[in-house]
Amino acid sequence: MKLVEVAIFTFPSDAAVFESILSAEGIEHALNNQNSAIIVPGNGVTISVREKDRERAYELLNEAGFKDHII
């Protein structure tokens, strides 16, 4: 299963909100860097999804108001 990064969040709480949206949609995902003690701009919490779910994840990011977090 190939994963692709679709979003980056400075605040872990925002990543958690989007993670719950993905879970509700049944989209498998992975969070990266969520346990970092310090989040540095450009190196925040990233979320990856299966390549086949990328477009749906982008739609959900837009619908949830996280458009600025798309990578």
C-alpha atoms as a PDB file:
ATOM      1  CA  MET A   1       0.000   0.000   0.000  1.00  0.00           C
ATOM      2  CA  LYS A   2       1.590   3.256  -1.151  1.00  0.00           C
ATOM      3  CA  LEU A   3       0.911   6.274   1.060  1.00  0.00           C
ATOM      4  CA  VAL A   4       1.091   9.881  -0.105  1.00  0.00           C
ATOM      5  CA  GLU A   5       1.187  12.970   2.083  1.00  0.00           C
ATOM      6  CA  VAL A   6      -1.854  15.176   1.566  1.00  0.00           C
ATOM      7  CA  ALA A   7      -1.730  17.706   4.398  1.00  0.00           C
ATOM      8  CA  ILE A   8       0.550  19.392   6.911  1.00  0.00           C
ATOM      9  CA  PHE A   9      -0.616  20.989  10.150  1.00  0.00           C
ATOM     10  CA  THR A  10       1.247  23.276  12.539  1.00  0.00           C
ATOM     11  CA  PHE A  11      -1.111  22.399  15.367  1.00  0.00           C
ATOM     12  CA  PRO A  12      -1.638  18.743  16.294  1.00  0.00           C
ATOM     13  CA  SER A  13      -5.213  19.567  17.313  1.00  0.00           C
ATOM     14  CA  ASP A  14      -6.046  20.556  13.714  1.00  0.00           C
ATOM     15  CA  ALA A  15      -4.498  17.322  12.477  1.00  0.00           C
ATOM     16  CA  ALA A  16      -6.668  15.406  14.954  1.00  0.00           C
ATOM     17  CA  VAL A  17      -9.802  17.077  13.598  1.00  0.00           C
ATOM     18  CA  PHE A  18      -8.922  16.110  10.051  1.00  0.00           C
ATOM     19  CA  GLU A  19      -7.955  12.617  11.179  1.00  0.00           C
ATOM     20  CA  SER A  20     -11.445  12.169  12.628  1.00  0.00           C
ATOM     21  CA  ILE A  21     -12.982  13.290   9.319  1.00  0.00           C
ATOM     22  CA  LEU A  22     -10.896  10.731   7.428  1.00  0.00           C
ATOM     23  CA  SER A  23     -11.891   8.019   9.893  1.00  0.00           C
ATOM     24  CA  ALA A  24     -15.566   8.894   9.535  1.00  0.00           C
ATOM     25  CA  GLU A  25     -15.171   8.537   5.759  1.00  0.00           C
ATOM     26  CA  GLY A  26     -13.459   5.168   6.140  1.00  0.00           C
ATOM     27  CA  ILE A  27     -10.192   6.428   4.652  1.00  0.00           C
ATOM     28  CA  GLU A  28      -7.100   4.700   5.997  1.00  0.00           C
ATOM     29  CA  HIS A  29      -4.429   7.203   6.974  1.00  0.00           C
ATOM     30  CA  ALA A  30      -1.229   7.748   8.917  1.00  0.00           C
ATOM     31  CA  LEU A  31      -0.090  10.679  11.046  1.00  0.00           C
ATOM     32  CA  ASN A  32       3.586  11.582  11.012  1.00  0.00           C
ATOM     33  CA  ASN A  33       5.477  13.733  13.536  1.00  0.00           C
ATOM     34  CA  GLN A  34       2.470  13.916  15.893  1.00  0.00           C
ATOM     35  CA  ASN A  35       4.693  13.313  18.918  1.00  0.00           C
ATOM     36  CA  SER A  36       7.194  16.066  18.166  1.00  0.00           C
ATOM     37  CA  ALA A  37       7.802  18.237  21.196  1.00  0.00           C
ATOM     38  CA  ILE A  38       8.301  21.316  19.036  1.00  0.00           C
ATOM     39  CA  ILE A  39       6.514  21.874  15.747  1.00  0.00           C
ATOM     40  CA  VAL A  40       8.688  23.898  13.383  1.00  0.00           C
ATOM     41  CA  PRO A  41       6.986  25.669  10.453  1.00  0.00           C
ATOM     42  CA  GLY A  42       7.286  23.490   7.386  1.00  0.00           C
ATOM     43  CA  ASN A  43       7.895  20.454   9.574  1.00  0.00           C
ATOM     44  CA  GLY A  44       4.545  19.955  11.272  1.00  0.00           C
ATOM     45  CA  VAL A  45       2.201  17.018  11.628  1.00  0.00           C
ATOM     46  CA  THR A  46       1.592  15.450   8.234  1.00  0.00           C
ATOM     47  CA  ILE A  47      -1.212  13.132   7.196  1.00  0.00           C
ATOM     48  CA  SER A  48      -0.792  10.480   4.549  1.00  0.00           C
ATOM     49  CA  VAL A  49      -3.476   8.456   2.786  1.00  0.00           C
ATOM     50  CA  ARG A  50      -3.459   5.657   0.256  1.00  0.00           C
ATOM     51  CA  GLU A  51      -2.752   6.984  -3.210  1.00  0.00           C
ATOM     52  CA  LYS A  52      -6.206   5.925  -4.408  1.00  0.00           C
ATOM     53  CA  ASP A  53      -7.806   8.112  -1.687  1.00  0.00           C
ATOM     54  CA  ARG A  54      -5.771  11.253  -2.406  1.00  0.00           C
ATOM     55  CA  GLU A  55      -8.431  13.157  -4.372  1.00  0.00           C
ATOM     56  CA  ARG A  56     -11.148  12.420  -1.804  1.00  0.00           C
ATOM     57  CA  ALA A  57      -8.816  13.586   0.976  1.00  0.00           C
ATOM     58  CA  TYR A  58      -8.259  16.859  -0.902  1.00  0.00           C
ATOM     59  CA  GLU A  59     -12.029  17.311  -1.235  1.00  0.00           C
ATOM     60  CA  LEU A  60     -12.460  16.723   2.491  1.00  0.00           C
ATOM     61  CA  LEU A  61      -9.691  19.194   3.331  1.00  0.00           C
ATOM     62  CA  ASN A  62     -11.479  21.851   1.273  1.00  0.00           C
ATOM     63  CA  GLU A  63     -14.887  21.054   2.776  1.00  0.00           C
ATOM     64  CA  ALA A  64     -13.467  21.223   6.316  1.00  0.00           C
ATOM     65  CA  GLY A  65     -11.808  24.597   5.735  1.00  0.00           C
ATOM     66  CA  PHE A  66      -8.271  23.192   5.728  1.00  0.00           C
ATOM     67  CA  LYS A  67      -7.468  24.229   2.135  1.00  0.00           C
ATOM     68  CA  ASP A  68      -4.278  25.994   3.266  1.00  0.00           C
ATOM     69  CA  HIS A  69      -2.921  22.725   4.667  1.00  0.00           C
ATOM     70  CA  ILE A  70      -2.850  20.823   1.357  1.00  0.00           C
ATOM     71  CA  ILE A  71       0.569  19.633   0.175  1.00  0.00           C
END
